[in-house]
Amino acid sequence: MQCHGFRKFFDTTCTLNVMDGLYVEKLMGHNIGIKAHYFKPSAQDLLEGNDHKLRYLSVIDTFTINDESRLKRQNEILKVKKSEFEYLKQQVEETKRAQFD
């Protein structure tokens, strides 16, 4: 029953995070019928996303207990925001100097 519960959790979590249903079924090992003859994604395709469909790496944070990957992503976002802030601050300082000169 624990395995079944985890499979239900996996399916629900992927669906709520807008992962494509065909990829969810493939990752769970379900029979996808006639589609199996035409749809043959590589392991890389199942892991990585593209502009059109989300894949496993896009929802992995919801499955992990360790906050390391979330903190790394948050750190990257904060670094970008900090650099943008510093750029804007520099622009304001240059504008102030130009007005007083």
Protein backbone atom coordinates (compact mmCIF):
# COMPACT_ATOMS: atom_id res chain seq x y z
CA MET A 1 0.00 0.00 0.00
CA GLN A 2 2.91 2.38 0.64
CA CYS A 3 4.09 2.03 -2.95
CA HIS A 4 0.58 2.69 -4.23
CA GLY A 5 0.32 5.77 -2.01
CA PHE A 6 3.61 7.10 -3.30
CA ARG A 7 2.53 6.51 -6.91
CA LYS A 8 -0.70 8.43 -6.26
CA PHE A 9 1.31 11.25 -4.63
CA PHE A 10 3.71 11.31 -7.60
CA ASP A 11 0.88 11.44 -10.14
CA THR A 12 -1.06 14.12 -8.23
CA THR A 13 2.01 16.29 -7.64
CA CYS A 14 3.11 16.12 -11.27
CA THR A 15 -0.40 16.93 -12.48
CA LEU A 16 -0.79 19.87 -10.09
CA ASN A 17 2.57 21.23 -11.25
CA VAL A 18 1.37 21.11 -14.87
CA MET A 19 3.63 18.29 -16.01
CA ASP A 20 2.40 16.71 -19.23
CA GLY A 21 0.22 13.66 -18.52
CA LEU A 22 1.91 11.51 -21.16
CA TYR A 23 5.27 12.00 -19.45
CA VAL A 24 3.77 11.21 -16.05
CA GLU A 25 2.33 7.95 -17.36
CA LYS A 26 5.64 7.04 -19.02
CA LEU A 27 7.62 7.77 -15.83
CA MET A 28 5.20 5.64 -13.80
CA GLY A 29 5.61 2.74 -16.22
CA HIS A 30 1.98 2.71 -17.28
CA ASN A 31 0.83 1.35 -20.61
CA ILE A 32 0.15 4.30 -22.91
CA GLY A 33 -1.48 2.18 -25.61
CA ILE A 34 -0.90 2.91 -29.26
CA LYS A 35 1.05 6.06 -28.32
CA ALA A 36 3.90 3.77 -27.22
CA HIS A 37 4.56 2.96 -30.89
CA TYR A 38 4.99 6.61 -31.81
CA PHE A 39 6.15 8.27 -28.60
CA LYS A 40 9.69 7.20 -27.74
CA PRO A 41 11.32 9.89 -25.57
CA SER A 42 14.88 9.43 -24.40
CA ALA A 43 15.78 9.54 -20.72
CA GLN A 44 17.15 13.04 -21.34
CA ASP A 45 13.79 14.11 -22.82
CA LEU A 46 11.92 12.86 -19.76
CA LEU A 47 14.25 14.70 -17.40
CA GLU A 48 14.68 18.05 -19.11
CA GLY A 49 11.93 20.38 -20.13
CA ASN A 50 11.54 22.63 -23.11
CA ASP A 51 9.46 25.67 -23.95
CA HIS A 52 6.34 23.60 -24.65
CA LYS A 53 6.22 20.86 -22.03
CA LEU A 54 7.41 20.56 -18.45
CA ARG A 55 9.30 17.44 -17.49
CA TYR A 56 10.60 15.80 -14.32
CA LEU A 57 13.27 18.38 -13.44
CA SER A 58 10.63 21.09 -13.34
CA VAL A 59 8.78 19.35 -10.48
CA ILE A 60 11.66 17.69 -8.62
CA ASP A 61 11.69 20.33 -5.85
CA THR A 62 8.22 19.24 -4.78
CA PHE A 63 9.47 15.69 -4.20
CA THR A 64 12.68 16.44 -2.32
CA ILE A 65 13.00 16.91 1.40
CA ASN A 66 16.45 18.50 1.17
CA ASP A 67 16.22 22.25 0.56
CA GLU A 68 19.62 22.45 -1.16
CA SER A 69 18.34 22.83 -4.73
CA ARG A 70 15.65 25.32 -3.69
CA LEU A 71 18.21 27.39 -1.80
CA LYS A 72 20.62 27.33 -4.75
CA ARG A 73 17.90 28.59 -7.09
CA GLN A 74 16.85 31.26 -4.59
CA ASN A 75 20.49 32.32 -4.21
CA GLU A 76 20.85 32.71 -7.98
CA ILE A 77 17.68 34.82 -8.13
CA LEU A 78 18.90 37.05 -5.32
CA LYS A 79 22.27 37.51 -7.02
CA VAL A 80 20.54 38.68 -10.19
CA LYS A 81 18.29 41.06 -8.26
CA LYS A 82 21.28 42.41 -6.36
CA SER A 83 23.20 43.10 -9.56
CA GLU A 84 20.13 44.84 -11.03
CA PHE A 85 19.77 46.93 -7.88
CA GLU A 86 23.45 47.90 -7.94
CA TYR A 87 23.17 48.89 -11.60
CA LEU A 88 20.15 51.08 -10.89
CA LYS A 89 21.89 52.61 -7.87
CA GLN A 90 24.88 53.45 -10.05
CA GLN A 91 22.58 55.06 -12.62
CA VAL A 92 20.96 57.21 -9.93
CA GLU A 93 24.37 58.31 -8.63
CA GLU A 94 25.50 59.25 -12.13
CA THR A 95 22.30 61.20 -12.72
CA LYS A 96 22.75 63.09 -9.43
CA ARG A 97 26.35 63.96 -10.30
CA ALA A 98 25.33 65.11 -13.76
CA GLN A 99 22.64 67.41 -12.29
CA PHE A 100 25.00 69.02 -9.78
CA ASP A 101 27.89 69.52 -12.20
